[in-house]
Amino acid sequence: GWTKYIRKVVEHPVPPNVNWWYVFGSATL
């Protein structure tokens, strides 16, 4: 049952105007 949990994480909605300043958290990961 991985798909429903993975999909919930990767497809969770975010604000429409997120920009390049928001990339450094995932880049650190």
All heavy atoms as atom14 arrays in JSON, in Angstrom:
{
  "sequence": "GWTKYIRKVVEHPVPPNVNWWYVFGSATL",
  "atom14_mask": [
    [1, 1, 1, 1, 0, 0, 0, 0, 0, 0, 0, 0, 0, 0],
    [1, 1, 1, 1, 1, 1, 1, 1, 1, 1, 1, 1, 1, 1],
    [1, 1, 1, 1, 1, 1, 1, 0, 0, 0, 0, 0, 0, 0],
    [1, 1, 1, 1, 1, 1, 1, 1, 1, 0, 0, 0, 0, 0],
    [1, 1, 1, 1, 1, 1, 1, 1, 1, 1, 1, 1, 0, 0],
    [1, 1, 1, 1, 1, 1, 1, 1, 0, 0, 0, 0, 0, 0],
    [1, 1, 1, 1, 1, 1, 1, 1, 1, 1, 1, 0, 0, 0],
    [1, 1, 1, 1, 1, 1, 1, 1, 1, 0, 0, 0, 0, 0],
    [1, 1, 1, 1, 1, 1, 1, 0, 0, 0, 0, 0, 0, 0],
    [1, 1, 1, 1, 1, 1, 1, 0, 0, 0, 0, 0, 0, 0],
    [1, 1, 1, 1, 1, 1, 1, 1, 1, 0, 0, 0, 0, 0],
    [1, 1, 1, 1, 1, 1, 1, 1, 1, 1, 0, 0, 0, 0],
    [1, 1, 1, 1, 1, 1, 1, 0, 0, 0, 0, 0, 0, 0],
    [1, 1, 1, 1, 1, 1, 1, 0, 0, 0, 0, 0, 0, 0],
    [1, 1, 1, 1, 1, 1, 1, 0, 0, 0, 0, 0, 0, 0],
    [1, 1, 1, 1, 1, 1, 1, 0, 0, 0, 0, 0, 0, 0],
    [1, 1, 1, 1, 1, 1, 1, 1, 0, 0, 0, 0, 0, 0],
    [1, 1, 1, 1, 1, 1, 1, 0, 0, 0, 0, 0, 0, 0],
    [1, 1, 1, 1, 1, 1, 1, 1, 0, 0, 0, 0, 0, 0],
    [1, 1, 1, 1, 1, 1, 1, 1, 1, 1, 1, 1, 1, 1],
    [1, 1, 1, 1, 1, 1, 1, 1, 1, 1, 1, 1, 1, 1],
    [1, 1, 1, 1, 1, 1, 1, 1, 1, 1, 1, 1, 0, 0],
    [1, 1, 1, 1, 1, 1, 1, 0, 0, 0, 0, 0, 0, 0],
    [1, 1, 1, 1, 1, 1, 1, 1, 1, 1, 1, 0, 0, 0],
    [1, 1, 1, 1, 0, 0, 0, 0, 0, 0, 0, 0, 0, 0],
    [1, 1, 1, 1, 1, 1, 0, 0, 0, 0, 0, 0, 0, 0],
    [1, 1, 1, 1, 1, 0, 0, 0, 0, 0, 0, 0, 0, 0],
    [1, 1, 1, 1, 1, 1, 1, 0, 0, 0, 0, 0, 0, 0],
    [1, 1, 1, 1, 1, 1, 1, 1, 0, 0, 0, 0, 0, 0]
  ],
  "atom14_positions": [
    [[0.79, -1.22, 0.0], [0.0, 0.0, 0.0], [0.82, 1.27, 0.0], [0.44, 2.27, 0.62], [0.0, 0.0, 0.0], [0.0, 0.0, 0.0], [0.0, 0.0, 0.0], [0.0, 0.0, 0.0], [0.0, 0.0, 0.0], [0.0, 0.0, 0.0], [0.0, 0.0, 0.0], [0.0, 0.0, 0.0], [0.0, 0.0, 0.0], [0.0, 0.0, 0.0]],
    [[1.94, 1.25, -0.7], [2.83, 2.42, -0.7], [2.25, 3.6, -1.48], [2.42, 4.75, -1.09], [4.18, 2.04, -1.32], [5.05, 1.25, -0.39], [4.85, 1.06, 0.93], [6.25, 0.58, -0.73], [5.86, 0.28, 1.46], [6.74, -0.03, 0.46], [6.97, 0.4, -1.9], [7.91, -0.77, 0.5], [8.15, -0.34, -1.87], [8.61, -0.92, -0.68]],
    [[1.58, 3.33, -2.59], [1.21, 4.38, -3.53], [0.4, 5.5, -2.88], [0.67, 6.69, -3.09], [0.42, 3.79, -4.71], [1.25, 2.87, -5.41], [-0.02, 4.89, -5.67], [0.0, 0.0, 0.0], [0.0, 0.0, 0.0], [0.0, 0.0, 0.0], [0.0, 0.0, 0.0], [0.0, 0.0, 0.0], [0.0, 0.0, 0.0], [0.0, 0.0, 0.0]],
    [[-0.58, 5.14, -2.08], [-1.46, 6.18, -1.53], [-0.7, 7.11, -0.58], [-1.01, 8.3, -0.49], [-2.66, 5.55, -0.82], [-2.32, 4.66, 0.36], [-3.61, 4.12, 0.98], [-3.3, 3.21, 2.17], [-4.54, 2.66, 2.78], [0.0, 0.0, 0.0], [0.0, 0.0, 0.0], [0.0, 0.0, 0.0], [0.0, 0.0, 0.0], [0.0, 0.0, 0.0]],
    [[0.32, 6.57, 0.1], [1.09, 7.42, 1.0], [2.09, 8.27, 0.23], [2.29, 9.45, 0.52], [1.81, 6.57, 2.05], [0.86, 5.82, 2.94], [0.68, 4.44, 2.8], [0.12, 6.48, 3.91], [-0.19, 3.74, 3.62], [-0.77, 5.79, 4.73], [-0.92, 4.41, 4.58], [-1.79, 3.75, 5.4], [0.0, 0.0, 0.0], [0.0, 0.0, 0.0]],
    [[2.76, 7.67, -0.76], [3.71, 8.41, -1.58], [3.0, 9.51, -2.36], [3.46, 10.65, -2.45], [4.47, 7.47, -2.54], [5.34, 6.49, -1.73], [5.33, 8.26, -3.5], [6.03, 5.44, -2.59], [0.0, 0.0, 0.0], [0.0, 0.0, 0.0], [0.0, 0.0, 0.0], [0.0, 0.0, 0.0], [0.0, 0.0, 0.0], [0.0, 0.0, 0.0]],
    [[1.83, 9.17, -2.91], [1.08, 10.15, -3.68], [0.64, 11.31, -2.8], [0.64, 12.46, -3.22], [-0.14, 9.46, -4.32], [-0.99, 10.38, -5.18], [-2.05, 9.58, -5.91], [-1.44, 8.65, -6.86], [-2.12, 7.66, -7.44], [-3.39, 7.47, -7.16], [-1.5, 6.86, -8.28], [0.0, 0.0, 0.0], [0.0, 0.0, 0.0], [0.0, 0.0, 0.0]],
    [[0.26, 11.0, -1.56], [-0.17, 12.06, -0.64], [0.96, 13.05, -0.38], [0.73, 14.24, -0.22], [-0.64, 11.44, 0.67], [-1.21, 12.44, 1.66], [-1.69, 11.75, 2.93], [-2.86, 10.84, 2.64], [-3.42, 10.27, 3.9], [0.0, 0.0, 0.0], [0.0, 0.0, 0.0], [0.0, 0.0, 0.0], [0.0, 0.0, 0.0], [0.0, 0.0, 0.0]],
    [[2.21, 12.53, -0.36], [3.36, 13.4, -0.1], [3.73, 14.21, -1.34], [3.88, 15.44, -1.27], [4.57, 12.58, 0.38], [5.8, 13.46, 0.49], [4.27, 11.92, 1.72], [0.0, 0.0, 0.0], [0.0, 0.0, 0.0], [0.0, 0.0, 0.0], [0.0, 0.0, 0.0], [0.0, 0.0, 0.0], [0.0, 0.0, 0.0], [0.0, 0.0, 0.0]],
    [[3.88, 13.54, -2.48], [4.4, 14.23, -3.67], [3.34, 15.08, -4.36], [3.68, 16.02, -5.1], [4.99, 13.22, -4.68], [6.13, 12.46, -4.06], [3.93, 12.28, -5.21], [0.0, 0.0, 0.0], [0.0, 0.0, 0.0], [0.0, 0.0, 0.0], [0.0, 0.0, 0.0], [0.0, 0.0, 0.0], [0.0, 0.0, 0.0], [0.0, 0.0, 0.0]],
    [[2.07, 14.8, -4.13], [1.02, 15.56, -4.8], [0.28, 16.51, -3.86], [-0.75, 17.08, -4.24], [0.03, 14.61, -5.48], [0.63, 13.81, -6.62], [-0.41, 12.92, -7.3], [-1.58, 12.89, -6.83], [-0.05, 12.26, -8.3], [0.0, 0.0, 0.0], [0.0, 0.0, 0.0], [0.0, 0.0, 0.0], [0.0, 0.0, 0.0], [0.0, 0.0, 0.0]],
    [[0.79, 16.67, -2.63], [0.09, 17.56, -1.71], [0.09, 18.98, -2.28], [1.08, 19.43, -2.85], [0.73, 17.52, -0.32], [2.05, 18.23, -0.23], [3.22, 17.65, -0.62], [2.36, 19.47, 0.21], [4.22, 18.5, -0.43], [3.72, 19.61, 0.08], [0.0, 0.0, 0.0], [0.0, 0.0, 0.0], [0.0, 0.0, 0.0], [0.0, 0.0, 0.0]],
    [[-1.03, 19.68, -2.13], [-1.14, 21.02, -2.74], [-0.26, 22.04, -2.02], [-0.07, 21.99, -0.81], [-2.62, 21.35, -2.58], [-3.07, 20.54, -1.41], [-2.26, 19.28, -1.44], [0.0, 0.0, 0.0], [0.0, 0.0, 0.0], [0.0, 0.0, 0.0], [0.0, 0.0, 0.0], [0.0, 0.0, 0.0], [0.0, 0.0, 0.0], [0.0, 0.0, 0.0]],
    [[0.27, 22.97, -2.8], [1.11, 24.04, -2.26], [0.6, 25.36, -2.81], [-0.15, 25.4, -3.78], [2.59, 23.83, -2.67], [3.13, 22.53, -2.11], [2.75, 23.87, -4.19], [0.0, 0.0, 0.0], [0.0, 0.0, 0.0], [0.0, 0.0, 0.0], [0.0, 0.0, 0.0], [0.0, 0.0, 0.0], [0.0, 0.0, 0.0], [0.0, 0.0, 0.0]],
    [[0.99, 26.48, -2.19], [0.55, 27.79, -2.7], [0.99, 27.99, -4.14], [2.04, 27.49, -4.57], [1.25, 28.77, -1.76], [1.44, 28.0, -0.48], [1.71, 26.6, -0.91], [0.0, 0.0, 0.0], [0.0, 0.0, 0.0], [0.0, 0.0, 0.0], [0.0, 0.0, 0.0], [0.0, 0.0, 0.0], [0.0, 0.0, 0.0], [0.0, 0.0, 0.0]],
    [[0.22, 28.73, -4.92], [0.49, 28.86, -6.36], [1.72, 29.69, -6.7], [2.27, 29.56, -7.8], [-0.78, 29.53, -6.89], [-1.3, 30.32, -5.73], [-0.98, 29.49, -4.51], [0.0, 0.0, 0.0], [0.0, 0.0, 0.0], [0.0, 0.0, 0.0], [0.0, 0.0, 0.0], [0.0, 0.0, 0.0], [0.0, 0.0, 0.0], [0.0, 0.0, 0.0]],
    [[2.17, 30.51, -5.78], [3.27, 31.44, -6.12], [4.58, 31.08, -5.43], [5.42, 31.95, -5.21], [2.87, 32.87, -5.78], [2.34, 33.0, -4.34], [2.07, 31.98, -3.69], [2.18, 34.21, -3.87], [0.0, 0.0, 0.0], [0.0, 0.0, 0.0], [0.0, 0.0, 0.0], [0.0, 0.0, 0.0], [0.0, 0.0, 0.0], [0.0, 0.0, 0.0]],
    [[4.78, 29.8, -5.1], [6.09, 29.41, -4.57], [7.14, 29.63, -5.65], [6.87, 29.46, -6.85], [6.09, 27.93, -4.1], [5.21, 27.76, -2.89], [5.67, 27.0, -5.22], [0.0, 0.0, 0.0], [0.0, 0.0, 0.0], [0.0, 0.0, 0.0], [0.0, 0.0, 0.0], [0.0, 0.0, 0.0], [0.0, 0.0, 0.0], [0.0, 0.0, 0.0]],
    [[8.35, 29.99, -5.25], [9.37, 30.39, -6.23], [10.67, 29.65, -5.98], [10.72, 28.66, -5.25], [9.57, 31.9, -6.18], [9.81, 32.39, -4.75], [10.59, 31.78, -4.0], [9.15, 33.47, -4.36], [0.0, 0.0, 0.0], [0.0, 0.0, 0.0], [0.0, 0.0, 0.0], [0.0, 0.0, 0.0], [0.0, 0.0, 0.0], [0.0, 0.0, 0.0]],
    [[11.74, 30.16, -6.59], [13.04, 29.48, -6.53], [13.63, 29.46, -5.12], [14.51, 28.65, -4.84], [14.02, 30.14, -7.49], [13.67, 29.89, -8.93], [12.97, 30.7, -9.76], [14.01, 28.73, -9.7], [12.84, 30.13, -11.01], [13.48, 28.92, -11.0], [14.69, 27.55, -9.42], [13.61, 27.97, -12.0], [14.84, 26.6, -10.43], [14.3, 26.82, -11.7]],
    [[13.19, 30.36, -4.25], [13.72, 30.36, -2.88], [13.27, 29.13, -2.1], [13.81, 28.86, -1.03], [13.3, 31.63, -2.15], [14.06, 32.84, -2.58], [13.59, 33.9, -3.29], [15.44, 33.12, -2.33], [14.59, 34.82, -3.51], [15.74, 34.37, -2.92], [16.47, 32.45, -1.66], [17.0, 34.94, -2.86], [17.72, 33.01, -1.6], [17.98, 34.25, -2.2]],
    [[12.29, 28.42, -2.62], [11.74, 27.28, -1.88], [12.42, 25.95, -2.22], [11.98, 24.91, -1.76], [10.24, 27.17, -2.17], [9.39, 28.18, -1.44], [9.36, 29.52, -1.84], [8.63, 27.82, -0.34], [8.59, 30.46, -1.18], [7.87, 28.75, 0.34], [7.85, 30.07, -0.08], [7.09, 30.99, 0.59], [0.0, 0.0, 0.0], [0.0, 0.0, 0.0]],
    [[13.45, 25.98, -3.02], [14.05, 24.73, -3.5], [15.14, 24.18, -2.58], [15.55, 23.02, -2.72], [14.64, 24.91, -4.92], [13.58, 25.43, -5.87], [15.83, 25.87, -4.89], [0.0, 0.0, 0.0], [0.0, 0.0, 0.0], [0.0, 0.0, 0.0], [0.0, 0.0, 0.0], [0.0, 0.0, 0.0], [0.0, 0.0, 0.0], [0.0, 0.0, 0.0]],
    [[15.63, 24.98, -1.63], [16.83, 24.58, -0.91], [16.58, 23.5, 0.14], [17.5, 22.79, 0.53], [17.47, 25.81, -0.27], [17.98, 26.8, -1.28], [17.27, 27.94, -1.58], [19.16, 26.55, -1.96], [17.73, 28.84, -2.52], [19.63, 27.43, -2.91], [18.9, 28.58, -3.19], [0.0, 0.0, 0.0], [0.0, 0.0, 0.0], [0.0, 0.0, 0.0]],
    [[15.35, 23.37, 0.6], [15.05, 22.28, 1.54], [15.17, 20.93, 0.86], [15.85, 20.02, 1.37], [0.0, 0.0, 0.0], [0.0, 0.0, 0.0], [0.0, 0.0, 0.0], [0.0, 0.0, 0.0], [0.0, 0.0, 0.0], [0.0, 0.0, 0.0], [0.0, 0.0, 0.0], [0.0, 0.0, 0.0], [0.0, 0.0, 0.0], [0.0, 0.0, 0.0]],
    [[14.52, 20.78, -0.3], [14.61, 19.51, -1.02], [16.02, 19.27, -1.55], [16.49, 18.13, -1.62], [13.6, 19.48, -2.17], [13.82, 20.57, -3.04], [0.0, 0.0, 0.0], [0.0, 0.0, 0.0], [0.0, 0.0, 0.0], [0.0, 0.0, 0.0], [0.0, 0.0, 0.0], [0.0, 0.0, 0.0], [0.0, 0.0, 0.0], [0.0, 0.0, 0.0]],
    [[16.73, 20.36, -1.93], [18.11, 20.2, -2.39], [18.99, 19.67, -1.27], [19.88, 18.83, -1.5], [18.65, 21.54, -2.89], [0.0, 0.0, 0.0], [0.0, 0.0, 0.0], [0.0, 0.0, 0.0], [0.0, 0.0, 0.0], [0.0, 0.0, 0.0], [0.0, 0.0, 0.0], [0.0, 0.0, 0.0], [0.0, 0.0, 0.0], [0.0, 0.0, 0.0]],
    [[18.75, 20.13, -0.04], [19.51, 19.6, 1.1], [19.23, 18.12, 1.3], [20.14, 17.33, 1.6], [19.14, 20.38, 2.38], [19.35, 21.77, 2.17], [19.99, 19.92, 3.55], [0.0, 0.0, 0.0], [0.0, 0.0, 0.0], [0.0, 0.0, 0.0], [0.0, 0.0, 0.0], [0.0, 0.0, 0.0], [0.0, 0.0, 0.0], [0.0, 0.0, 0.0]],
    [[17.97, 17.73, 1.14], [17.61, 16.31, 1.27], [18.32, 15.47, 0.22], [18.84, 14.39, 0.53], [16.1, 16.16, 1.14], [15.56, 14.72, 1.15], [15.93, 14.01, 2.44], [14.04, 14.71, 0.94], [0.0, 0.0, 0.0], [0.0, 0.0, 0.0], [0.0, 0.0, 0.0], [0.0, 0.0, 0.0], [0.0, 0.0, 0.0], [0.0, 0.0, 0.0]]
  ]
}
